[in-house]
Amino acid sequence: MNGLETYKDIAITTQTKGRIVVMLYDGAIKFLKLAINELEAQNPELKGMYIKKALDIIDELNIVLDMEVGGEIAVNLRKLYTFMNQHLTQANIKQDPKKIDEVIKLLEELNKGWKNIA
């Protein structure tokens, strides 16, 4: 492992769980903004790749939800993540930047909340 990889590994593994969630939201938002750019540039292959990266992050956020401890908040987050997944899948198929932007807005709102508690 080279120095940069070691630094990245340490930077991620030493973060609090809340900070990691913020980083994941930031990543998903970044990928979705890139997807919109590629959609506008009529580059469907890259658009699809960026949407897939965002979907992978959203899926990971969904998988790690602790439904027993999280209670109603976890249930509501699961519903939101499922909605985002379906919405982005439709956005990818229909080439719809509005649907992508709607998910970005949801992620940004969730991210604000996590930044306040992280």
PDB file of N, CA and C in Angstrom:
ATOM      1  N   MET A   1       0.848  -1.172   0.000  1.00  0.00           N
ATOM      2  CA  MET A   1       0.000   0.000   0.000  1.00  0.00           C
ATOM      3  C   MET A   1       0.895   1.237   0.000  1.00  0.00           C
ATOM      4  N   ASN A   2       0.618   2.172  -0.927  1.00  0.00           N
ATOM      5  CA  ASN A   2       1.451   3.373  -0.957  1.00  0.00           C
ATOM      6  C   ASN A   2       0.958   4.389   0.068  1.00  0.00           C
ATOM      7  N   GLY A   3       1.684   5.491   0.220  1.00  0.00           N
ATOM      8  CA  GLY A   3       1.384   6.495   1.229  1.00  0.00           C
ATOM      9  C   GLY A   3       0.006   7.109   1.092  1.00  0.00           C
ATOM     10  N   LEU A   4      -0.396   7.426  -0.120  1.00  0.00           N
ATOM     11  CA  LEU A   4      -1.696   8.046  -0.344  1.00  0.00           C
ATOM     12  C   LEU A   4      -2.826   7.087   0.022  1.00  0.00           C
ATOM     13  N   GLU A   5      -2.692   5.827  -0.367  1.00  0.00           N
ATOM     14  CA  GLU A   5      -3.717   4.831  -0.025  1.00  0.00           C
ATOM     15  C   GLU A   5      -3.801   4.644   1.487  1.00  0.00           C
ATOM     16  N   THR A   6      -2.664   4.621   2.154  1.00  0.00           N
ATOM     17  CA  THR A   6      -2.641   4.482   3.607  1.00  0.00           C
ATOM     18  C   THR A   6      -3.336   5.675   4.262  1.00  0.00           C
ATOM     19  N   TYR A   7      -3.027   6.880   3.774  1.00  0.00           N
ATOM     20  CA  TYR A   7      -3.647   8.088   4.310  1.00  0.00           C
ATOM     21  C   TYR A   7      -5.166   8.031   4.143  1.00  0.00           C
ATOM     22  N   LYS A   8      -5.640   7.663   2.949  1.00  0.00           N
ATOM     23  CA  LYS A   8      -7.079   7.581   2.693  1.00  0.00           C
ATOM     24  C   LYS A   8      -7.726   6.547   3.612  1.00  0.00           C
ATOM     25  N   ASP A   9      -7.074   5.402   3.782  1.00  0.00           N
ATOM     26  CA  ASP A   9      -7.611   4.350   4.635  1.00  0.00           C
ATOM     27  C   ASP A   9      -7.733   4.830   6.077  1.00  0.00           C
ATOM     28  N   ILE A  10      -6.707   5.491   6.578  1.00  0.00           N
ATOM     29  CA  ILE A  10      -6.727   6.007   7.951  1.00  0.00           C
ATOM     30  C   ILE A  10      -7.770   7.110   8.085  1.00  0.00           C
ATOM     31  N   ALA A  11      -7.858   7.997   7.078  1.00  0.00           N
ATOM     32  CA  ALA A  11      -8.818   9.097   7.127  1.00  0.00           C
ATOM     33  C   ALA A  11     -10.244   8.572   7.229  1.00  0.00           C
ATOM     34  N   ILE A  12     -10.544   7.497   6.550  1.00  0.00           N
ATOM     35  CA  ILE A  12     -11.900   6.941   6.584  1.00  0.00           C
ATOM     36  C   ILE A  12     -12.142   6.156   7.863  1.00  0.00           C
ATOM     37  N   THR A  13     -11.189   5.319   8.258  1.00  0.00           N
ATOM     38  CA  THR A  13     -11.413   4.448   9.418  1.00  0.00           C
ATOM     39  C   THR A  13     -11.391   5.193  10.742  1.00  0.00           C
ATOM     40  N   THR A  14     -10.897   6.411  10.777  1.00  0.00           N
ATOM     41  CA  THR A  14     -10.861   7.157  12.030  1.00  0.00           C
ATOM     42  C   THR A  14     -12.030   8.137  12.161  1.00  0.00           C
ATOM     43  N   GLN A  15     -12.933   8.162  11.214  1.00  0.00           N
ATOM     44  CA  GLN A  15     -14.086   9.056  11.263  1.00  0.00           C
ATOM     45  C   GLN A  15     -15.173   8.475  12.167  1.00  0.00           C
ATOM     46  N   THR A  16     -15.986   9.363  12.725  1.00  0.00           N
ATOM     47  CA  THR A  16     -17.148   8.905  13.471  1.00  0.00           C
ATOM     48  C   THR A  16     -18.179   8.369  12.482  1.00  0.00           C
ATOM     49  N   LYS A  17     -19.110   7.597  12.992  1.00  0.00           N
ATOM     50  CA  LYS A  17     -20.149   7.041  12.112  1.00  0.00           C
ATOM     51  C   LYS A  17     -20.953   8.157  11.465  1.00  0.00           C
ATOM     52  N   GLY A  18     -21.262   9.201  12.214  1.00  0.00           N
ATOM     53  CA  GLY A  18     -22.007  10.331  11.661  1.00  0.00           C
ATOM     54  C   GLY A  18     -21.247  11.017  10.550  1.00  0.00           C
ATOM     55  N   ARG A  19     -19.970  11.182  10.730  1.00  0.00           N
ATOM     56  CA  ARG A  19     -19.141  11.830   9.709  1.00  0.00           C
ATOM     57  C   ARG A  19     -19.062  10.957   8.457  1.00  0.00           C
ATOM     58  N   ILE A  20     -19.023   9.650   8.624  1.00  0.00           N
ATOM     59  CA  ILE A  20     -18.994   8.750   7.466  1.00  0.00           C
ATOM     60  C   ILE A  20     -20.295   8.876   6.678  1.00  0.00           C
ATOM     61  N   VAL A  21     -21.427   8.988   7.386  1.00  0.00           N
ATOM     62  CA  VAL A  21     -22.709   9.171   6.701  1.00  0.00           C
ATOM     63  C   VAL A  21     -22.684  10.467   5.894  1.00  0.00           C
ATOM     64  N   VAL A  22     -22.152  11.532   6.480  1.00  0.00           N
ATOM     65  CA  VAL A  22     -22.032  12.813   5.763  1.00  0.00           C
ATOM     66  C   VAL A  22     -21.174  12.635   4.512  1.00  0.00           C
ATOM     67  N   MET A  23     -20.063  11.924   4.635  1.00  0.00           N
ATOM     68  CA  MET A  23     -19.189  11.694   3.488  1.00  0.00           C
ATOM     69  C   MET A  23     -19.918  10.906   2.391  1.00  0.00           C
ATOM     70  N   LEU A  24     -20.730   9.937   2.808  1.00  0.00           N
ATOM     71  CA  LEU A  24     -21.486   9.147   1.830  1.00  0.00           C
ATOM     72  C   LEU A  24     -22.529  10.007   1.118  1.00  0.00           C
ATOM     73  N   TYR A  25     -23.240  10.833   1.880  1.00  0.00           N
ATOM     74  CA  TYR A  25     -24.202  11.747   1.253  1.00  0.00           C
ATOM     75  C   TYR A  25     -23.480  12.692   0.286  1.00  0.00           C
ATOM     76  N   ASP A  26     -22.353  13.249   0.723  1.00  0.00           N
ATOM     77  CA  ASP A  26     -21.583  14.140  -0.151  1.00  0.00           C
ATOM     78  C   ASP A  26     -21.205  13.434  -1.457  1.00  0.00           C
ATOM     79  N   GLY A  27     -20.780  12.187  -1.356  1.00  0.00           N
ATOM     80  CA  GLY A  27     -20.398  11.424  -2.542  1.00  0.00           C
ATOM     81  C   GLY A  27     -21.570  11.186  -3.475  1.00  0.00           C
ATOM     82  N   ALA A  28     -22.709  10.791  -2.913  1.00  0.00           N
ATOM     83  CA  ALA A  28     -23.889  10.539  -3.740  1.00  0.00           C
ATOM     84  C   ALA A  28     -24.335  11.813  -4.444  1.00  0.00           C
ATOM     85  N   ILE A  29     -24.328  12.928  -3.729  1.00  0.00           N
ATOM     86  CA  ILE A  29     -24.708  14.219  -4.317  1.00  0.00           C
ATOM     87  C   ILE A  29     -23.751  14.578  -5.452  1.00  0.00           C
ATOM     88  N   LYS A  30     -22.464  14.405  -5.212  1.00  0.00           N
ATOM     89  CA  LYS A  30     -21.464  14.712  -6.237  1.00  0.00           C
ATOM     90  C   LYS A  30     -21.693  13.868  -7.487  1.00  0.00           C
ATOM     91  N   PHE A  31     -21.915  12.567  -7.315  1.00  0.00           N
ATOM     92  CA  PHE A  31     -22.122  11.690  -8.468  1.00  0.00           C
ATOM     93  C   PHE A  31     -23.402  12.050  -9.224  1.00  0.00           C
ATOM     94  N   LEU A  32     -24.444  12.433  -8.510  1.00  0.00           N
ATOM     95  CA  LEU A  32     -25.698  12.787  -9.188  1.00  0.00           C
ATOM     96  C   LEU A  32     -25.566  14.099  -9.951  1.00  0.00           C
ATOM     97  N   LYS A  33     -24.809  15.039  -9.425  1.00  0.00           N
ATOM     98  CA  LYS A  33     -24.567  16.288 -10.164  1.00  0.00           C
ATOM     99  C   LYS A  33     -23.754  15.996 -11.428  1.00  0.00           C
ATOM    100  N   LEU A  34     -22.795  15.089 -11.312  1.00  0.00           N
ATOM    101  CA  LEU A  34     -22.023  14.687 -12.491  1.00  0.00           C
ATOM    102  C   LEU A  34     -22.920  13.968 -13.502  1.00  0.00           C
ATOM    103  N   ALA A  35     -23.874  13.177 -13.005  1.00  0.00           N
ATOM    104  CA  ALA A  35     -24.807  12.478 -13.900  1.00  0.00           C
ATOM    105  C   ALA A  35     -25.642  13.483 -14.692  1.00  0.00           C
ATOM    106  N   ILE A  36     -26.100  14.543 -14.030  1.00  0.00           N
ATOM    107  CA  ILE A  36     -26.868  15.579 -14.731  1.00  0.00           C
ATOM    108  C   ILE A  36     -26.001  16.238 -15.797  1.00  0.00           C
ATOM    109  N   ASN A  37     -24.760  16.539 -15.453  1.00  0.00           N
ATOM    110  CA  ASN A  37     -23.843  17.144 -16.434  1.00  0.00           C
ATOM    111  C   ASN A  37     -23.675  16.244 -17.651  1.00  0.00           C
ATOM    112  N   GLU A  38     -23.507  14.953 -17.418  1.00  0.00           N
ATOM    113  CA  GLU A  38     -23.319  14.010 -18.527  1.00  0.00           C
ATOM    114  C   GLU A  38     -24.610  13.824 -19.324  1.00  0.00           C
ATOM    115  N   LEU A  39     -25.740  13.893 -18.653  1.00  0.00           N
ATOM    116  CA  LEU A  39     -27.019  13.813 -19.357  1.00  0.00           C
ATOM    117  C   LEU A  39     -27.188  15.003 -20.287  1.00  0.00           C
ATOM    118  N   GLU A  40     -26.848  16.195 -19.786  1.00  0.00           N
ATOM    119  CA  GLU A  40     -26.935  17.402 -20.602  1.00  0.00           C
ATOM    120  C   GLU A  40     -25.927  17.376 -21.749  1.00  0.00           C
ATOM    121  N   ALA A  41     -24.798  16.716 -21.548  1.00  0.00           N
ATOM    122  CA  ALA A  41     -23.780  16.588 -22.593  1.00  0.00           C
ATOM    123  C   ALA A  41     -24.101  15.428 -23.550  1.00  0.00           C
ATOM    124  N   GLN A  42     -25.236  14.798 -23.329  1.00  0.00           N
ATOM    125  CA  GLN A  42     -25.681  13.670 -24.135  1.00  0.00           C
ATOM    126  C   GLN A  42     -24.660  12.531 -24.134  1.00  0.00           C
ATOM    127  N   ASN A  43     -24.195  12.227 -22.946  1.00  0.00           N
ATOM    128  CA  ASN A  43     -23.255  11.136 -22.759  1.00  0.00           C
ATOM    129  C   ASN A  43     -23.915  10.097 -21.843  1.00  0.00           C
ATOM    130  N   PRO A  44     -24.793   9.251 -22.395  1.00  0.00           N
ATOM    131  CA  PRO A  44     -25.570   8.334 -21.562  1.00  0.00           C
ATOM    132  C   PRO A  44     -24.742   7.296 -20.805  1.00  0.00           C
ATOM    133  N   GLU A  45     -23.614   6.904 -21.359  1.00  0.00           N
ATOM    134  CA  GLU A  45     -22.799   5.891 -20.681  1.00  0.00           C
ATOM    135  C   GLU A  45     -22.243   6.433 -19.363  1.00  0.00           C
ATOM    136  N   LEU A  46     -21.658   7.633 -19.394  1.00  0.00           N
ATOM    137  CA  LEU A  46     -21.131   8.218 -18.162  1.00  0.00           C
ATOM    138  C   LEU A  46     -22.247   8.594 -17.200  1.00  0.00           C
ATOM    139  N   LYS A  47     -23.373   9.090 -17.744  1.00  0.00           N
ATOM    140  CA  LYS A  47     -24.529   9.414 -16.899  1.00  0.00           C
ATOM    141  C   LYS A  47     -24.940   8.179 -16.118  1.00  0.00           C
ATOM    142  N   GLY A  48     -25.062   7.056 -16.809  1.00  0.00           N
ATOM    143  CA  GLY A  48     -25.450   5.811 -16.165  1.00  0.00           C
ATOM    144  C   GLY A  48     -24.446   5.357 -15.116  1.00  0.00           C
ATOM    145  N   MET A  49     -23.166   5.539 -15.403  1.00  0.00           N
ATOM    146  CA  MET A  49     -22.124   5.153 -14.458  1.00  0.00           C
ATOM    147  C   MET A  49     -22.238   5.969 -13.169  1.00  0.00           C
ATOM    148  N   TYR A  50     -22.458   7.284 -13.300  1.00  0.00           N
ATOM    149  CA  TYR A  50     -22.563   8.135 -12.114  1.00  0.00           C
ATOM    150  C   TYR A  50     -23.832   7.839 -11.323  1.00  0.00           C
ATOM    151  N   ILE A  51     -24.929   7.567 -12.012  1.00  0.00           N
ATOM    152  CA  ILE A  51     -26.152   7.198 -11.292  1.00  0.00           C
ATOM    153  C   ILE A  51     -25.927   5.888 -10.543  1.00  0.00           C
ATOM    154  N   LYS A  52     -25.248   4.936 -11.175  1.00  0.00           N
ATOM    155  CA  LYS A  52     -24.973   3.660 -10.502  1.00  0.00           C
ATOM    156  C   LYS A  52     -24.126   3.868  -9.253  1.00  0.00           C
ATOM    157  N   LYS A  53     -23.133   4.747  -9.333  1.00  0.00           N
ATOM    158  CA  LYS A  53     -22.297   5.012  -8.152  1.00  0.00           C
ATOM    159  C   LYS A  53     -23.137   5.599  -7.019  1.00  0.00           C
ATOM    160  N   ALA A  54     -24.041   6.525  -7.360  1.00  0.00           N
ATOM    161  CA  ALA A  54     -24.917   7.107  -6.341  1.00  0.00           C
ATOM    162  C   ALA A  54     -25.853   6.037  -5.774  1.00  0.00           C
ATOM    163  N   LEU A  55     -26.389   5.189  -6.643  1.00  0.00           N
ATOM    164  CA  LEU A  55     -27.263   4.109  -6.181  1.00  0.00           C
ATOM    165  C   LEU A  55     -26.521   3.146  -5.254  1.00  0.00           C
ATOM    166  N   ASP A  56     -25.277   2.868  -5.556  1.00  0.00           N
ATOM    167  CA  ASP A  56     -24.474   1.994  -4.688  1.00  0.00           C
ATOM    168  C   ASP A  56     -24.349   2.604  -3.288  1.00  0.00           C
ATOM    169  N   ILE A  57     -24.141   3.907  -3.227  1.00  0.00           N
ATOM    170  CA  ILE A  57     -24.024   4.587  -1.928  1.00  0.00           C
ATOM    171  C   ILE A  57     -25.357   4.536  -1.195  1.00  0.00           C
ATOM    172  N   ILE A  58     -26.444   4.840  -1.897  1.00  0.00           N
ATOM    173  CA  ILE A  58     -27.768   4.817  -1.274  1.00  0.00           C
ATOM    174  C   ILE A  58     -28.104   3.407  -0.794  1.00  0.00           C
ATOM    175  N   ASP A  59     -27.763   2.404  -1.586  1.00  0.00           N
ATOM    176  CA  ASP A  59     -27.991   1.020  -1.169  1.00  0.00           C
ATOM    177  C   ASP A  59     -27.201   0.691   0.098  1.00  0.00           C
ATOM    178  N   GLU A  60     -25.980   1.146   0.168  1.00  0.00           N
ATOM    179  CA  GLU A  60     -25.153   0.895   1.363  1.00  0.00           C
ATOM    180  C   GLU A  60     -25.757   1.583   2.589  1.00  0.00           C
ATOM    181  N   LEU A  61     -26.206   2.820   2.419  1.00  0.00           N
ATOM    182  CA  LEU A  61     -26.860   3.533   3.531  1.00  0.00           C
ATOM    183  C   LEU A  61     -28.097   2.760   3.994  1.00  0.00           C
ATOM    184  N   ASN A  62     -28.824   2.202   3.065  1.00  0.00           N
ATOM    185  CA  ASN A  62     -30.026   1.446   3.380  1.00  0.00           C
ATOM    186  C   ASN A  62     -29.693   0.139   4.100  1.00  0.00           C
ATOM    187  N   ILE A  63     -28.679  -0.549   3.618  1.00  0.00           N
ATOM    188  CA  ILE A  63     -28.304  -1.853   4.181  1.00  0.00           C
ATOM    189  C   ILE A  63     -27.870  -1.730   5.638  1.00  0.00           C
ATOM    190  N   VAL A  64     -27.157  -0.667   5.972  1.00  0.00           N
ATOM    191  CA  VAL A  64     -26.599  -0.551   7.322  1.00  0.00           C
ATOM    192  C   VAL A  64     -27.579   0.030   8.339  1.00  0.00           C
ATOM    193  N   LEU A  65     -28.792   0.357   7.905  1.00  0.00           N
ATOM    194  CA  LEU A  65     -29.781   0.858   8.869  1.00  0.00           C
ATOM    195  C   LEU A  65     -30.063  -0.205   9.925  1.00  0.00           C
ATOM    196  N   ASP A  66     -30.036   0.207  11.180  1.00  0.00           N
ATOM    197  CA  ASP A  66     -30.379  -0.697  12.276  1.00  0.00           C
ATOM    198  C   ASP A  66     -31.849  -0.469  12.602  1.00  0.00           C
ATOM    199  N   MET A  67     -32.690  -1.340  12.092  1.00  0.00           N
ATOM    200  CA  MET A  67     -34.131  -1.156  12.212  1.00  0.00           C
ATOM    201  C   MET A  67     -34.615  -1.304  13.655  1.00  0.00           C
ATOM    202  N   GLU A  68     -33.922  -2.097  14.462  1.00  0.00           N
ATOM    203  CA  GLU A  68     -34.329  -2.273  15.863  1.00  0.00           C
ATOM    204  C   GLU A  68     -33.985  -1.047  16.694  1.00  0.00           C
ATOM    205  N   VAL A  69     -32.771  -0.560  16.571  1.00  0.00           N
ATOM    206  CA  VAL A  69     -32.332   0.583  17.366  1.00  0.00           C
ATOM    207  C   VAL A  69     -32.877   1.893  16.792  1.00  0.00           C
ATOM    208  N   GLY A  70     -32.949   1.980  15.478  1.00  0.00           N
ATOM    209  CA  GLY A  70     -33.335   3.222  14.812  1.00  0.00           C
ATOM    210  C   GLY A  70     -34.807   3.555  14.868  1.00  0.00           C
ATOM    211  N   GLY A  71     -35.634   2.564  15.134  1.00  0.00           N
ATOM    212  CA  GLY A  71     -37.060   2.797  15.273  1.00  0.00           C
ATOM    213  C   GLY A  71     -37.695   3.486  14.079  1.00  0.00           C
ATOM    214  N   GLU A  72     -38.548   4.457  14.345  1.00  0.00           N
ATOM    215  CA  GLU A  72     -39.293   5.153  13.297  1.00  0.00           C
ATOM    216  C   GLU A  72     -38.379   5.902  12.334  1.00  0.00           C
ATOM    217  N   ILE A  73     -37.280   6.439  12.840  1.00  0.00           N
ATOM    218  CA  ILE A  73     -36.340   7.156  11.966  1.00  0.00           C
ATOM    219  C   ILE A  73     -35.759   6.199  10.927  1.00  0.00           C
ATOM    220  N   ALA A  74     -35.361   5.021  11.360  1.00  0.00           N
ATOM    221  CA  ALA A  74     -34.797   4.033  10.431  1.00  0.00           C
ATOM    222  C   ALA A  74     -35.849   3.597   9.415  1.00  0.00           C
ATOM    223  N   VAL A  75     -37.085   3.416   9.859  1.00  0.00           N
ATOM    224  CA  VAL A  75     -38.165   3.030   8.948  1.00  0.00           C
ATOM    225  C   VAL A  75     -38.359   4.113   7.890  1.00  0.00           C
ATOM    226  N   ASN A  76     -38.379   5.369   8.314  1.00  0.00           N
ATOM    227  CA  ASN A  76     -38.571   6.483   7.376  1.00  0.00           C
ATOM    228  C   ASN A  76     -37.384   6.621   6.418  1.00  0.00           C
ATOM    229  N   LEU A  77     -36.172   6.430   6.929  1.00  0.00           N
ATOM    230  CA  LEU A  77     -34.992   6.479   6.054  1.00  0.00           C
ATOM    231  C   LEU A  77     -35.045   5.361   5.023  1.00  0.00           C
ATOM    232  N   ARG A  78     -35.457   4.171   5.451  1.00  0.00           N
ATOM    233  CA  ARG A  78     -35.558   3.053   4.510  1.00  0.00           C
ATOM    234  C   ARG A  78     -36.545   3.392   3.396  1.00  0.00           C
ATOM    235  N   LYS A  79     -37.669   3.983   3.752  1.00  0.00           N
ATOM    236  CA  LYS A  79     -38.653   4.386   2.744  1.00  0.00           C
ATOM    237  C   LYS A  79     -38.057   5.418   1.790  1.00  0.00           C
ATOM    238  N   LEU A  80     -37.331   6.391   2.338  1.00  0.00           N
ATOM    239  CA  LEU A  80     -36.699   7.415   1.498  1.00  0.00           C
ATOM    240  C   LEU A  80     -35.663   6.808   0.563  1.00  0.00           C
ATOM    241  N   TYR A  81     -34.820   5.926   1.085  1.00  0.00           N
ATOM    242  CA  TYR A  81     -33.793   5.302   0.255  1.00  0.00           C
ATOM    243  C   TYR A  81     -34.425   4.453  -0.846  1.00  0.00           C
ATOM    244  N   THR A  82     -35.516   3.757  -0.532  1.00  0.00           N
ATOM    245  CA  THR A  82     -36.220   2.963  -1.542  1.00  0.00           C
ATOM    246  C   THR A  82     -36.795   3.878  -2.613  1.00  0.00           C
ATOM    247  N   PHE A  83     -37.404   4.984  -2.187  1.00  0.00           N
ATOM    248  CA  PHE A  83     -37.935   5.966  -3.133  1.00  0.00           C
ATOM    249  C   PHE A  83     -36.819   6.499  -4.031  1.00  0.00           C
ATOM    250  N   MET A  84     -35.680   6.862  -3.425  1.00  0.00           N
ATOM    251  CA  MET A  84     -34.558   7.395  -4.203  1.00  0.00           C
ATOM    252  C   MET A  84     -34.080   6.377  -5.232  1.00  0.00           C
ATOM    253  N   ASN A  85     -33.985   5.131  -4.821  1.00  0.00           N
ATOM    254  CA  ASN A  85     -33.552   4.073  -5.730  1.00  0.00           C
ATOM    255  C   ASN A  85     -34.492   3.977  -6.928  1.00  0.00           C
ATOM    256  N   GLN A  86     -35.788   3.937  -6.660  1.00  0.00           N
ATOM    257  CA  GLN A  86     -36.767   3.840  -7.738  1.00  0.00           C
ATOM    258  C   GLN A  86     -36.743   5.083  -8.625  1.00  0.00           C
ATOM    259  N   HIS A  87     -36.634   6.247  -7.996  1.00  0.00           N
ATOM    260  CA  HIS A  87     -36.632   7.510  -8.734  1.00  0.00           C
ATOM    261  C   HIS A  87     -35.412   7.614  -9.651  1.00  0.00           C
ATOM    262  N   LEU A  88     -34.254   7.220  -9.144  1.00  0.00           N
ATOM    263  CA  LEU A  88     -33.037   7.287  -9.948  1.00  0.00           C
ATOM    264  C   LEU A  88     -33.046   6.248 -11.068  1.00  0.00           C
ATOM    265  N   THR A  89     -33.623   5.102 -10.808  1.00  0.00           N
ATOM    266  CA  THR A  89     -33.741   4.091 -11.859  1.00  0.00           C
ATOM    267  C   THR A  89     -34.608   4.635 -12.996  1.00  0.00           C
ATOM    268  N   GLN A  90     -35.713   5.261 -12.643  1.00  0.00           N
ATOM    269  CA  GLN A  90     -36.576   5.871 -13.653  1.00  0.00           C
ATOM    270  C   GLN A  90     -35.867   7.023 -14.363  1.00  0.00           C
ATOM    271  N   ALA A  91     -35.126   7.829 -13.619  1.00  0.00           N
ATOM    272  CA  ALA A  91     -34.382   8.949 -14.215  1.00  0.00           C
ATOM    273  C   ALA A  91     -33.375   8.434 -15.234  1.00  0.00           C
ATOM    274  N   ASN A  92     -32.736   7.330 -14.908  1.00  0.00           N
ATOM    275  CA  ASN A  92     -31.743   6.746 -15.805  1.00  0.00           C
ATOM    276  C   ASN A  92     -32.406   6.243 -17.085  1.00  0.00           C
ATOM    277  N   ILE A  93     -33.533   5.553 -16.933  1.00  0.00           N
ATOM    278  CA  ILE A  93     -34.236   5.004 -18.092  1.00  0.00           C
ATOM    279  C   ILE A  93     -34.820   6.112 -18.963  1.00  0.00           C
ATOM    280  N   LYS A  94     -35.439   7.101 -18.329  1.00  0.00           N
ATOM    281  CA  LYS A  94     -36.161   8.145 -19.066  1.00  0.00           C
ATOM    282  C   LYS A  94     -35.305   9.369 -19.392  1.00  0.00           C
ATOM    283  N   GLN A  95     -34.037   9.331 -18.993  1.00  0.00           N
ATOM    284  CA  GLN A  95     -33.128  10.458 -19.262  1.00  0.00           C
ATOM    285  C   GLN A  95     -33.696  11.757 -18.671  1.00  0.00           C
ATOM    286  N   ASP A  96     -34.122  11.701 -17.397  1.00  0.00           N
ATOM    287  CA  ASP A  96     -34.853  12.793 -16.772  1.00  0.00           C
ATOM    288  C   ASP A  96     -34.013  13.483 -15.689  1.00  0.00           C
ATOM    289  N   PRO A  97     -33.438  14.650 -16.000  1.00  0.00           N
ATOM    290  CA  PRO A  97     -32.622  15.344 -15.008  1.00  0.00           C
ATOM    291  C   PRO A  97     -33.436  15.864 -13.818  1.00  0.00           C
ATOM    292  N   LYS A  98     -34.735  16.112 -14.005  1.00  0.00           N
ATOM    293  CA  LYS A  98     -35.570  16.597 -12.895  1.00  0.00           C
ATOM    294  C   LYS A  98     -35.658  15.567 -11.784  1.00  0.00           C
ATOM    295  N   LYS A  99     -35.783  14.307 -12.163  1.00  0.00           N
ATOM    296  CA  LYS A  99     -35.856  13.238 -11.162  1.00  0.00           C
ATOM    297  C   LYS A  99     -34.530  13.139 -10.392  1.00  0.00           C
ATOM    298  N   ILE A 100     -33.445  13.296 -11.101  1.00  0.00           N
ATOM    299  CA  ILE A 100     -32.130  13.265 -10.440  1.00  0.00           C
ATOM    300  C   ILE A 100     -32.032  14.441  -9.470  1.00  0.00           C
ATOM    301  N   ASP A 101     -32.453  15.610  -9.909  1.00  0.00           N
ATOM    302  CA  ASP A 101     -32.392  16.807  -9.069  1.00  0.00           C
ATOM    303  C   ASP A 101     -33.268  16.657  -7.826  1.00  0.00           C
ATOM    304  N   GLU A 102     -34.416  16.011  -7.958  1.00  0.00           N
ATOM    305  CA  GLU A 102     -35.277  15.782  -6.795  1.00  0.00           C
ATOM    306  C   GLU A 102     -34.569  14.934  -5.745  1.00  0.00           C
ATOM    307  N   VAL A 103     -33.836  13.925  -6.191  1.00  0.00           N
ATOM    308  CA  VAL A 103     -33.093  13.076  -5.258  1.00  0.00           C
ATOM    309  C   VAL A 103     -31.942  13.871  -4.639  1.00  0.00           C
ATOM    310  N   ILE A 104     -31.275  14.699  -5.434  1.00  0.00           N
ATOM    311  CA  ILE A 104     -30.205  15.543  -4.894  1.00  0.00           C
ATOM    312  C   ILE A 104     -30.753  16.403  -3.760  1.00  0.00           C
ATOM    313  N   LYS A 105     -31.903  17.011  -3.960  1.00  0.00           N
ATOM    314  CA  LYS A 105     -32.500  17.874  -2.931  1.00  0.00           C
ATOM    315  C   LYS A 105     -32.802  17.088  -1.649  1.00  0.00           C
ATOM    316  N   LEU A 106     -33.312  15.878  -1.803  1.00  0.00           N
ATOM    317  CA  LEU A 106     -33.559  15.035  -0.625  1.00  0.00           C
ATOM    318  C   LEU A 106     -32.260  14.712   0.107  1.00  0.00           C
ATOM    319  N   LEU A 107     -31.243  14.328  -0.658  1.00  0.00           N
ATOM    320  CA  LEU A 107     -29.954  13.998  -0.050  1.00  0.00           C
ATOM    321  C   LEU A 107     -29.333  15.208   0.638  1.00  0.00           C
ATOM    322  N   GLU A 108     -29.457  16.372   0.028  1.00  0.00           N
ATOM    323  CA  GLU A 108     -28.900  17.589   0.635  1.00  0.00           C
ATOM    324  C   GLU A 108     -29.610  17.911   1.949  1.00  0.00           C
ATOM    325  N   GLU A 109     -30.914  17.709   1.982  1.00  0.00           N
ATOM    326  CA  GLU A 109     -31.671  17.965   3.212  1.00  0.00           C
ATOM    327  C   GLU A 109     -31.258  16.991   4.317  1.00  0.00           C
ATOM    328  N   LEU A 110     -31.159  15.719   3.976  1.00  0.00           N
ATOM    329  CA  LEU A 110     -30.697  14.729   4.950  1.00  0.00           C
ATOM    330  C   LEU A 110     -29.273  15.044   5.411  1.00  0.00           C
ATOM    331  N   ASN A 111     -28.444  15.450   4.471  1.00  0.00           N
ATOM    332  CA  ASN A 111     -27.044  15.748   4.775  1.00  0.00           C
ATOM    333  C   ASN A 111     -26.935  16.908   5.776  1.00  0.00           C
ATOM    334  N   LYS A 112     -27.786  17.928   5.614  1.00  0.00           N
ATOM    335  CA  LYS A 112     -27.777  19.047   6.570  1.00  0.00           C
ATOM    336  C   LYS A 112     -28.024  18.557   7.984  1.00  0.00           C
ATOM    337  N   GLY A 113     -29.000  17.674   8.115  1.00  0.00           N
ATOM    338  CA  GLY A 113     -29.297  17.125   9.435  1.00  0.00           C
ATOM    339  C   GLY A 113     -28.138  16.343  10.026  1.00  0.00           C
ATOM    340  N   TRP A 114     -27.511  15.519   9.203  1.00  0.00           N
ATOM    341  CA  TRP A 114     -26.379  14.735   9.682  1.00  0.00           C
ATOM    342  C   TRP A 114     -25.185  15.639  10.021  1.00  0.00           C
ATOM    343  N   LYS A 115     -24.981  16.695   9.253  1.00  0.00           N
ATOM    344  CA  LYS A 115     -23.871  17.603   9.539  1.00  0.00           C
ATOM    345  C   LYS A 115     -24.078  18.283  10.887  1.00  0.00           C
ATOM    346  N   ASN A 116     -25.318  18.539  11.247  1.00  0.00           N
ATOM    347  CA  ASN A 116     -25.599  19.169  12.538  1.00  0.00           C
ATOM    348  C   ASN A 116     -25.310  18.253  13.720  1.00  0.00           C
ATOM    349  N   ILE A 117     -25.443  16.935  13.505  1.00  0.00           N
ATOM    350  CA  ILE A 117     -25.214  16.023  14.626  1.00  0.00           C
ATOM    351  C   ILE A 117     -23.865  15.315  14.572  1.00  0.00           C
ATOM    352  N   ALA A 118     -23.172  15.380  13.428  1.00  0.00           N
ATOM    353  CA  ALA A 118     -21.893  14.665  13.279  1.00  0.00           C
ATOM    354  C   ALA A 118     -20.745  15.410  13.924  1.00  0.00           C
TER     355      ALA A 118
END
